[in-house]
C-alpha cells in the first residue's frame, strides 16, 4: 500500500513518517527535504537522499523574507538519481512533496513513475492545490491520511496496523 500524509504546516507529517520508520523498523530508501539552519536561523532547505547518490545533501532553496527562492536543477539531478536508486523492496520515503519542485519536469516524471511502479511508499504531501500534488491525492491506489482531520496518535496506530496486517507490502 502507498500511504501519503498531508496536513497544514506543523501538523506532524514528517514526525509521523519518522515515527513509523523507527517503530516498525522499516528498511527505507527515498529522501527527506530538510531545513537548513545557520546561527539558529532557517536559511533554506536541502535534499537528503537515504540511498547513496553523488553529491548528496544539496541545498535547493534560499529562504527569503516571505518565501523560498528555488535553486534550479537540484531536483532534476539529485532527486531523479535518488528515485532511480531507491527502486526495490524497501519502503520508499518521500518527505516531502511540495511546491518548490514545480518546475523540475524530469523529477516530477520520475516521481510519478516511482509512485506508479512501487507498492511500498510512505510520503508527505504538502497541503496545496498544485496539479501534481492533486494528482497524487486522487490516486485510487493510495491511502491519504490528513492530520488536520485525524489525530497524530490515531494516524500512527492506523499505519502500524496496516503494516502489521501485511497490507503495506
N, C-alpha and C. Protein backbone atom coordinates (compact mmCIF):
# COMPACT_ATOMS: atom_id res chain seq x y z
N UNK A 1 0.83 -1.18 0.00
CA UNK A 1 0.00 0.00 0.00
C UNK A 1 0.88 1.24 0.00
N UNK A 2 0.37 2.25 -0.63
CA UNK A 2 1.06 3.54 -0.72
C UNK A 2 0.34 4.50 0.24
N UNK A 3 1.06 5.02 1.20
CA UNK A 3 0.47 5.91 2.18
C UNK A 3 1.09 7.29 2.04
N UNK A 4 0.23 8.29 1.93
CA UNK A 4 0.67 9.68 1.90
C UNK A 4 -0.02 10.43 3.03
N UNK A 5 0.75 11.25 3.69
CA UNK A 5 0.28 12.02 4.83
C UNK A 5 0.26 13.48 4.43
N UNK A 6 -0.83 14.15 4.73
CA UNK A 6 -0.95 15.57 4.44
C UNK A 6 -1.43 16.29 5.69
N UNK A 7 -1.42 17.59 5.65
CA UNK A 7 -1.86 18.40 6.77
C UNK A 7 -1.19 19.76 6.69
N UNK A 8 -1.66 20.68 7.49
CA UNK A 8 -1.08 22.02 7.49
C UNK A 8 0.32 22.00 8.09
N UNK A 9 1.04 23.05 7.85
CA UNK A 9 2.41 23.19 8.35
C UNK A 9 2.42 23.00 9.87
N UNK A 10 3.33 22.16 10.33
CA UNK A 10 3.47 21.93 11.76
C UNK A 10 2.52 20.89 12.34
N UNK A 11 1.78 20.18 11.48
CA UNK A 11 0.81 19.20 11.98
C UNK A 11 1.46 17.87 12.38
N UNK A 12 2.72 17.66 12.02
CA UNK A 12 3.42 16.44 12.42
C UNK A 12 3.60 15.42 11.32
N UNK A 13 3.49 15.85 10.07
CA UNK A 13 3.58 14.92 8.93
C UNK A 13 4.93 14.19 8.91
N UNK A 14 6.00 14.93 8.91
CA UNK A 14 7.34 14.34 8.84
C UNK A 14 7.66 13.57 10.11
N UNK A 15 7.21 14.07 11.23
CA UNK A 15 7.42 13.37 12.51
C UNK A 15 6.71 12.03 12.48
N UNK A 16 5.52 11.98 11.90
CA UNK A 16 4.77 10.71 11.79
C UNK A 16 5.54 9.73 10.92
N UNK A 17 6.06 10.18 9.79
CA UNK A 17 6.85 9.30 8.92
C UNK A 17 8.04 8.74 9.68
N UNK A 18 8.77 9.60 10.37
CA UNK A 18 9.96 9.15 11.12
C UNK A 18 9.58 8.20 12.25
N UNK A 19 8.45 8.44 12.90
CA UNK A 19 7.97 7.55 13.97
C UNK A 19 7.66 6.17 13.42
N UNK A 20 6.96 6.12 12.29
CA UNK A 20 6.60 4.83 11.68
C UNK A 20 7.86 4.07 11.27
N UNK A 21 8.79 4.76 10.64
CA UNK A 21 10.05 4.11 10.23
C UNK A 21 10.74 3.48 11.43
N UNK A 22 10.84 4.24 12.51
CA UNK A 22 11.55 3.77 13.70
C UNK A 22 10.80 2.64 14.40
N UNK A 23 9.51 2.85 14.66
CA UNK A 23 8.76 1.87 15.44
C UNK A 23 8.50 0.57 14.67
N UNK A 24 8.40 0.65 13.37
CA UNK A 24 8.18 -0.55 12.56
C UNK A 24 9.47 -1.12 12.00
N UNK A 25 10.57 -0.45 12.29
CA UNK A 25 11.90 -0.89 11.83
C UNK A 25 11.91 -1.15 10.32
N UNK A 26 11.44 -0.15 9.57
CA UNK A 26 11.35 -0.29 8.12
C UNK A 26 12.71 -0.06 7.47
N UNK A 27 13.02 -0.90 6.51
CA UNK A 27 14.19 -0.66 5.66
C UNK A 27 13.75 0.35 4.61
N UNK A 28 14.46 1.48 4.53
CA UNK A 28 13.99 2.57 3.70
C UNK A 28 14.97 2.96 2.60
N UNK A 29 14.40 3.60 1.62
CA UNK A 29 15.11 4.28 0.54
C UNK A 29 14.35 5.59 0.35
N UNK A 30 14.72 6.39 -0.61
CA UNK A 30 13.99 7.63 -0.85
C UNK A 30 14.71 8.84 -0.32
N UNK A 31 13.92 9.82 0.16
CA UNK A 31 14.52 11.10 0.52
C UNK A 31 13.75 11.85 1.60
N UNK A 32 14.45 12.80 2.19
CA UNK A 32 13.88 13.79 3.08
C UNK A 32 14.28 15.16 2.55
N UNK A 33 13.37 16.11 2.61
CA UNK A 33 13.73 17.51 2.38
C UNK A 33 13.77 18.15 3.75
N UNK A 34 14.91 18.70 4.10
CA UNK A 34 15.16 19.14 5.47
C UNK A 34 15.51 20.62 5.53
N UNK A 35 15.15 21.28 6.65
CA UNK A 35 15.52 22.69 6.80
C UNK A 35 17.01 22.84 7.03
N UNK A 36 17.54 23.91 6.51
CA UNK A 36 18.96 24.24 6.66
C UNK A 36 19.06 25.47 7.55
N UNK A 37 19.83 25.34 8.63
CA UNK A 37 19.97 26.43 9.60
C UNK A 37 21.39 26.96 9.64
N UNK A 38 21.48 28.24 9.92
CA UNK A 38 22.77 28.90 10.13
C UNK A 38 22.58 29.88 11.29
N UNK A 39 23.37 29.73 12.33
CA UNK A 39 23.25 30.56 13.53
C UNK A 39 21.83 30.56 14.09
N UNK A 40 21.17 29.38 14.06
CA UNK A 40 19.84 29.24 14.61
C UNK A 40 18.71 29.77 13.75
N UNK A 41 19.03 30.27 12.57
CA UNK A 41 18.02 30.82 11.68
C UNK A 41 17.92 29.95 10.43
N UNK A 42 16.67 29.64 10.03
CA UNK A 42 16.50 28.85 8.81
C UNK A 42 16.87 29.68 7.60
N UNK A 43 17.76 29.11 6.78
CA UNK A 43 18.23 29.82 5.59
C UNK A 43 17.80 29.14 4.30
N UNK A 44 17.05 28.07 4.42
CA UNK A 44 16.57 27.36 3.24
C UNK A 44 16.32 25.90 3.56
N UNK A 45 16.32 25.09 2.49
CA UNK A 45 16.10 23.65 2.62
C UNK A 45 17.13 22.90 1.78
N UNK A 46 17.40 21.65 2.18
CA UNK A 46 18.29 20.80 1.40
C UNK A 46 17.67 19.43 1.19
N UNK A 47 18.13 18.75 0.16
CA UNK A 47 17.64 17.44 -0.25
C UNK A 47 18.59 16.39 0.29
N UNK A 48 18.05 15.46 1.09
CA UNK A 48 18.86 14.37 1.64
C UNK A 48 18.36 13.03 1.11
N UNK A 49 19.18 12.35 0.35
CA UNK A 49 18.86 11.02 -0.16
C UNK A 49 19.25 9.99 0.88
N UNK A 50 18.35 9.05 1.14
CA UNK A 50 18.63 7.96 2.08
C UNK A 50 19.58 6.95 1.45
N UNK A 51 19.48 6.78 0.14
CA UNK A 51 20.34 5.85 -0.58
C UNK A 51 21.56 6.60 -1.11
N UNK A 52 22.65 5.88 -1.37
CA UNK A 52 23.85 6.55 -1.87
C UNK A 52 23.62 7.22 -3.23
N UNK A 53 24.00 8.47 -3.33
CA UNK A 53 23.96 9.25 -4.56
C UNK A 53 25.18 10.16 -4.56
N UNK A 54 25.53 10.59 -5.74
CA UNK A 54 26.64 11.53 -5.86
C UNK A 54 26.15 12.91 -5.42
N UNK A 55 26.95 13.61 -4.66
CA UNK A 55 26.64 14.99 -4.23
C UNK A 55 25.35 15.08 -3.41
N UNK A 56 25.23 14.25 -2.37
CA UNK A 56 24.05 14.26 -1.51
C UNK A 56 24.01 15.54 -0.68
N UNK A 57 22.87 15.77 -0.07
CA UNK A 57 22.65 16.88 0.86
C UNK A 57 22.88 18.24 0.20
N UNK A 58 22.26 18.44 -0.95
CA UNK A 58 22.39 19.71 -1.66
C UNK A 58 21.25 20.65 -1.30
N UNK A 59 21.62 21.88 -1.12
CA UNK A 59 20.63 22.93 -0.84
C UNK A 59 19.83 23.19 -2.12
N UNK A 60 18.50 23.27 -1.96
CA UNK A 60 17.66 23.55 -3.13
C UNK A 60 16.84 24.82 -2.98
N UNK A 61 16.94 25.50 -1.84
CA UNK A 61 16.21 26.76 -1.70
C UNK A 61 16.95 27.73 -0.78
N UNK A 62 16.69 29.01 -1.02
CA UNK A 62 17.24 30.09 -0.20
C UNK A 62 16.05 30.81 0.43
N UNK A 63 16.05 30.85 1.75
CA UNK A 63 14.95 31.49 2.46
C UNK A 63 14.99 33.00 2.25
N UNK A 64 13.87 33.52 1.76
CA UNK A 64 13.67 34.96 1.65
C UNK A 64 12.73 35.38 2.79
N UNK A 65 12.43 36.63 2.89
CA UNK A 65 11.58 37.11 3.98
C UNK A 65 10.25 36.38 4.03
N UNK A 66 9.55 36.29 2.92
CA UNK A 66 8.21 35.70 2.91
C UNK A 66 8.11 34.42 2.09
N UNK A 67 9.20 33.99 1.47
CA UNK A 67 9.12 32.80 0.61
C UNK A 67 10.50 32.17 0.47
N UNK A 68 10.58 31.16 -0.37
CA UNK A 68 11.84 30.50 -0.67
C UNK A 68 12.18 30.69 -2.14
N UNK A 69 13.43 31.03 -2.40
CA UNK A 69 13.92 31.11 -3.78
C UNK A 69 14.51 29.75 -4.12
N UNK A 70 14.02 29.15 -5.19
CA UNK A 70 14.46 27.81 -5.58
C UNK A 70 15.77 27.88 -6.34
N UNK A 71 16.66 26.97 -6.02
CA UNK A 71 17.90 26.80 -6.77
C UNK A 71 17.59 25.76 -7.84
N UNK A 72 17.53 26.16 -9.11
CA UNK A 72 17.07 25.25 -10.16
C UNK A 72 18.01 24.06 -10.38
N UNK A 73 17.40 22.94 -10.78
CA UNK A 73 18.17 21.78 -11.21
C UNK A 73 18.46 20.74 -10.14
N UNK A 74 18.32 21.08 -8.87
CA UNK A 74 18.67 20.13 -7.81
C UNK A 74 17.75 18.90 -7.86
N UNK A 75 16.45 19.13 -7.96
CA UNK A 75 15.52 18.00 -8.02
C UNK A 75 15.71 17.22 -9.32
N UNK A 76 15.91 17.92 -10.43
CA UNK A 76 16.09 17.23 -11.71
C UNK A 76 17.35 16.38 -11.73
N UNK A 77 18.34 16.72 -10.96
CA UNK A 77 19.57 15.94 -10.92
C UNK A 77 19.58 14.99 -9.72
N UNK A 78 19.69 15.55 -8.53
CA UNK A 78 19.80 14.75 -7.31
C UNK A 78 18.51 13.96 -7.04
N UNK A 79 17.37 14.60 -7.21
CA UNK A 79 16.09 13.94 -6.96
C UNK A 79 15.86 12.75 -7.88
N UNK A 80 16.13 12.93 -9.16
CA UNK A 80 15.96 11.83 -10.12
C UNK A 80 16.92 10.69 -9.80
N UNK A 81 18.17 11.00 -9.49
CA UNK A 81 19.15 9.96 -9.15
C UNK A 81 18.70 9.20 -7.90
N UNK A 82 18.22 9.92 -6.91
CA UNK A 82 17.74 9.30 -5.68
C UNK A 82 16.58 8.35 -5.96
N UNK A 83 15.60 8.80 -6.72
CA UNK A 83 14.44 7.95 -7.01
C UNK A 83 14.85 6.72 -7.81
N UNK A 84 15.76 6.89 -8.76
CA UNK A 84 16.24 5.76 -9.56
C UNK A 84 16.95 4.73 -8.66
N UNK A 85 17.74 5.21 -7.71
CA UNK A 85 18.49 4.32 -6.83
C UNK A 85 17.65 3.75 -5.69
N UNK A 86 16.42 4.19 -5.56
CA UNK A 86 15.54 3.76 -4.47
C UNK A 86 14.64 2.59 -4.84
N UNK A 87 14.68 2.15 -6.08
CA UNK A 87 13.81 1.07 -6.52
C UNK A 87 14.18 -0.23 -5.81
N UNK A 88 13.19 -1.07 -5.57
CA UNK A 88 13.45 -2.35 -4.93
C UNK A 88 12.40 -2.67 -3.89
N UNK A 89 12.77 -3.49 -2.92
CA UNK A 89 11.81 -3.98 -1.93
C UNK A 89 11.76 -3.16 -0.65
N UNK A 90 12.45 -2.06 -0.61
CA UNK A 90 12.40 -1.22 0.59
C UNK A 90 11.21 -0.28 0.54
N UNK A 91 10.91 0.34 1.65
CA UNK A 91 9.87 1.36 1.70
C UNK A 91 10.47 2.66 1.18
N UNK A 92 9.86 3.23 0.17
CA UNK A 92 10.36 4.46 -0.40
C UNK A 92 9.73 5.64 0.35
N UNK A 93 10.59 6.41 0.98
CA UNK A 93 10.17 7.59 1.72
C UNK A 93 10.22 8.79 0.79
N UNK A 94 9.16 9.57 0.79
CA UNK A 94 9.09 10.81 0.01
C UNK A 94 8.65 11.92 0.95
N UNK A 95 9.60 12.54 1.60
CA UNK A 95 9.29 13.55 2.62
C UNK A 95 10.03 14.84 2.30
N UNK A 96 9.47 15.78 1.69
CA UNK A 96 8.08 16.00 1.37
C UNK A 96 7.96 16.39 -0.08
N UNK A 97 6.78 16.14 -0.64
CA UNK A 97 6.48 16.60 -1.99
C UNK A 97 5.73 17.92 -1.82
N UNK A 98 6.31 18.98 -2.37
CA UNK A 98 5.74 20.31 -2.16
C UNK A 98 5.72 21.13 -3.42
N UNK A 99 5.75 22.43 -3.25
CA UNK A 99 5.64 23.34 -4.40
C UNK A 99 6.99 23.81 -4.93
N UNK A 100 8.07 23.63 -4.18
CA UNK A 100 9.35 24.17 -4.62
C UNK A 100 9.92 23.44 -5.84
N UNK A 101 9.47 22.22 -6.08
CA UNK A 101 9.97 21.44 -7.21
C UNK A 101 9.08 21.55 -8.45
N UNK A 102 8.16 22.47 -8.47
CA UNK A 102 7.15 22.53 -9.54
C UNK A 102 7.71 22.75 -10.95
N UNK A 103 8.90 23.30 -11.09
CA UNK A 103 9.49 23.50 -12.42
C UNK A 103 10.48 22.40 -12.82
N UNK A 104 10.64 21.40 -12.00
CA UNK A 104 11.63 20.34 -12.24
C UNK A 104 10.93 19.16 -12.93
N UNK A 105 10.78 19.26 -14.24
CA UNK A 105 9.97 18.30 -15.01
C UNK A 105 10.53 16.88 -15.02
N UNK A 106 11.84 16.72 -15.07
CA UNK A 106 12.41 15.36 -15.04
C UNK A 106 12.12 14.71 -13.69
N UNK A 107 12.25 15.49 -12.64
CA UNK A 107 11.96 14.98 -11.30
C UNK A 107 10.48 14.60 -11.16
N UNK A 108 9.58 15.47 -11.61
CA UNK A 108 8.15 15.19 -11.49
C UNK A 108 7.77 13.93 -12.26
N UNK A 109 8.40 13.72 -13.41
CA UNK A 109 8.16 12.49 -14.18
C UNK A 109 8.68 11.28 -13.40
N UNK A 110 9.88 11.38 -12.84
CA UNK A 110 10.46 10.27 -12.06
C UNK A 110 9.62 9.99 -10.81
N UNK A 111 9.10 11.03 -10.20
CA UNK A 111 8.25 10.90 -9.03
C UNK A 111 6.97 10.13 -9.38
N UNK A 112 6.32 10.54 -10.45
CA UNK A 112 5.10 9.87 -10.89
C UNK A 112 5.38 8.40 -11.24
N UNK A 113 6.46 8.15 -11.93
CA UNK A 113 6.83 6.78 -12.32
C UNK A 113 7.13 5.93 -11.08
N UNK A 114 7.83 6.50 -10.11
CA UNK A 114 8.16 5.77 -8.88
C UNK A 114 6.90 5.40 -8.12
N UNK A 115 5.95 6.33 -8.02
CA UNK A 115 4.69 6.04 -7.33
C UNK A 115 3.92 4.96 -8.08
N UNK A 116 3.93 5.03 -9.38
CA UNK A 116 3.20 4.05 -10.19
C UNK A 116 3.79 2.64 -10.05
N UNK A 117 5.10 2.53 -10.04
CA UNK A 117 5.77 1.23 -10.15
C UNK A 117 6.12 0.58 -8.81
N UNK A 118 5.97 1.27 -7.70
CA UNK A 118 6.37 0.71 -6.41
C UNK A 118 5.17 0.64 -5.48
N UNK A 119 5.10 -0.45 -4.72
CA UNK A 119 3.95 -0.62 -3.83
C UNK A 119 4.23 -0.18 -2.40
N UNK A 120 5.48 -0.02 -2.03
CA UNK A 120 5.85 0.35 -0.66
C UNK A 120 6.30 1.80 -0.60
N UNK A 121 5.35 2.69 -0.34
CA UNK A 121 5.68 4.11 -0.30
C UNK A 121 5.04 4.73 0.93
N UNK A 122 5.80 5.55 1.62
CA UNK A 122 5.25 6.38 2.68
C UNK A 122 5.77 7.78 2.44
N UNK A 123 4.85 8.71 2.23
CA UNK A 123 5.27 10.04 1.84
C UNK A 123 4.47 11.14 2.50
N UNK A 124 4.97 12.33 2.32
CA UNK A 124 4.34 13.54 2.83
C UNK A 124 3.99 14.42 1.65
N UNK A 125 2.73 14.86 1.61
CA UNK A 125 2.27 15.78 0.58
C UNK A 125 1.96 17.12 1.22
N UNK A 126 2.58 18.14 0.72
CA UNK A 126 2.25 19.49 1.18
C UNK A 126 0.78 19.75 0.86
N UNK A 127 0.11 20.42 1.75
CA UNK A 127 -1.32 20.69 1.56
C UNK A 127 -1.46 21.95 0.71
N UNK A 128 -1.54 21.74 -0.60
CA UNK A 128 -1.72 22.84 -1.54
C UNK A 128 -2.33 22.28 -2.82
N UNK A 129 -2.89 23.15 -3.62
CA UNK A 129 -3.58 22.72 -4.84
C UNK A 129 -2.71 22.93 -6.07
N UNK A 130 -1.65 22.15 -6.14
CA UNK A 130 -0.78 22.14 -7.31
C UNK A 130 -1.11 20.85 -8.07
N UNK A 131 -1.11 20.93 -9.39
CA UNK A 131 -1.59 19.83 -10.23
C UNK A 131 -0.98 18.48 -9.86
N UNK A 132 0.33 18.38 -9.74
CA UNK A 132 0.95 17.08 -9.49
C UNK A 132 0.63 16.56 -8.09
N UNK A 133 0.43 17.45 -7.12
CA UNK A 133 0.05 17.02 -5.77
C UNK A 133 -1.41 16.56 -5.77
N UNK A 134 -2.28 17.29 -6.44
CA UNK A 134 -3.69 16.88 -6.57
C UNK A 134 -3.79 15.53 -7.25
N UNK A 135 -2.98 15.31 -8.26
CA UNK A 135 -3.00 14.04 -9.00
C UNK A 135 -2.62 12.87 -8.08
N UNK A 136 -1.65 13.08 -7.20
CA UNK A 136 -1.26 12.03 -6.25
C UNK A 136 -2.39 11.78 -5.26
N UNK A 137 -2.96 12.87 -4.72
CA UNK A 137 -4.06 12.74 -3.75
C UNK A 137 -5.25 11.98 -4.32
N UNK A 138 -5.48 12.11 -5.61
CA UNK A 138 -6.66 11.50 -6.25
C UNK A 138 -6.44 10.06 -6.70
N UNK A 139 -5.24 9.54 -6.55
CA UNK A 139 -4.96 8.17 -6.97
C UNK A 139 -5.80 7.18 -6.16
N UNK A 140 -6.30 6.16 -6.81
CA UNK A 140 -7.12 5.15 -6.12
C UNK A 140 -6.27 4.13 -5.37
N UNK A 141 -4.97 4.09 -5.65
CA UNK A 141 -4.11 3.09 -5.02
C UNK A 141 -3.34 3.61 -3.81
N UNK A 142 -3.75 4.76 -3.27
CA UNK A 142 -3.08 5.29 -2.08
C UNK A 142 -4.06 5.42 -0.92
N UNK A 143 -3.51 5.41 0.27
CA UNK A 143 -4.25 5.77 1.47
C UNK A 143 -3.76 7.16 1.84
N UNK A 144 -4.67 8.13 1.86
CA UNK A 144 -4.33 9.50 2.20
C UNK A 144 -4.77 9.78 3.62
N UNK A 145 -3.83 10.17 4.44
CA UNK A 145 -4.11 10.50 5.84
C UNK A 145 -3.91 11.99 6.03
N UNK A 146 -4.96 12.67 6.48
CA UNK A 146 -4.94 14.12 6.69
C UNK A 146 -4.84 14.39 8.19
N UNK A 147 -3.71 14.90 8.64
CA UNK A 147 -3.51 15.17 10.06
C UNK A 147 -4.31 16.37 10.55
N UNK A 148 -5.00 17.06 9.66
CA UNK A 148 -5.94 18.09 10.09
C UNK A 148 -7.29 17.48 10.45
N UNK A 149 -7.49 16.22 10.05
CA UNK A 149 -8.76 15.54 10.30
C UNK A 149 -8.61 14.32 11.20
N UNK A 150 -7.39 13.89 11.43
CA UNK A 150 -7.12 12.70 12.24
C UNK A 150 -5.98 13.03 13.19
N UNK A 151 -6.07 12.58 14.41
CA UNK A 151 -5.00 12.85 15.37
C UNK A 151 -3.73 12.11 14.99
N UNK A 152 -2.62 12.63 15.44
CA UNK A 152 -1.32 12.00 15.20
C UNK A 152 -1.34 10.57 15.71
N UNK A 153 -1.82 10.37 16.93
CA UNK A 153 -1.82 9.04 17.54
C UNK A 153 -2.71 8.06 16.76
N UNK A 154 -3.88 8.51 16.33
CA UNK A 154 -4.77 7.65 15.55
C UNK A 154 -4.14 7.29 14.21
N UNK A 155 -3.54 8.27 13.56
CA UNK A 155 -2.88 8.03 12.27
C UNK A 155 -1.72 7.04 12.44
N UNK A 156 -0.95 7.22 13.48
CA UNK A 156 0.18 6.32 13.75
C UNK A 156 -0.32 4.90 13.97
N UNK A 157 -1.36 4.75 14.76
CA UNK A 157 -1.94 3.44 15.04
C UNK A 157 -2.48 2.80 13.76
N UNK A 158 -3.17 3.58 12.94
CA UNK A 158 -3.73 3.06 11.69
C UNK A 158 -2.63 2.55 10.76
N UNK A 159 -1.58 3.34 10.58
CA UNK A 159 -0.48 2.93 9.70
C UNK A 159 0.21 1.68 10.23
N UNK A 160 0.46 1.63 11.52
CA UNK A 160 1.11 0.45 12.11
C UNK A 160 0.24 -0.79 11.96
N UNK A 161 -1.09 -0.63 12.08
CA UNK A 161 -1.99 -1.76 11.86
C UNK A 161 -1.92 -2.26 10.42
N UNK A 162 -1.87 -1.34 9.47
CA UNK A 162 -1.77 -1.73 8.06
C UNK A 162 -0.48 -2.51 7.81
N UNK A 163 0.60 -2.06 8.41
CA UNK A 163 1.89 -2.75 8.26
C UNK A 163 1.81 -4.13 8.88
N UNK A 164 1.26 -4.21 10.09
CA UNK A 164 1.16 -5.49 10.80
C UNK A 164 0.26 -6.47 10.05
N UNK A 165 -0.82 -5.98 9.47
CA UNK A 165 -1.74 -6.84 8.72
C UNK A 165 -1.15 -7.30 7.39
N UNK A 166 -0.03 -6.72 7.02
CA UNK A 166 0.57 -7.08 5.75
C UNK A 166 -0.01 -6.36 4.57
N UNK A 167 -0.81 -5.35 4.82
CA UNK A 167 -1.42 -4.59 3.74
C UNK A 167 -0.47 -3.53 3.21
N UNK A 168 0.63 -3.36 3.85
CA UNK A 168 1.60 -2.34 3.44
C UNK A 168 2.86 -3.04 2.98
N UNK A 169 2.71 -3.95 2.03
CA UNK A 169 3.84 -4.72 1.50
C UNK A 169 3.97 -4.47 0.03
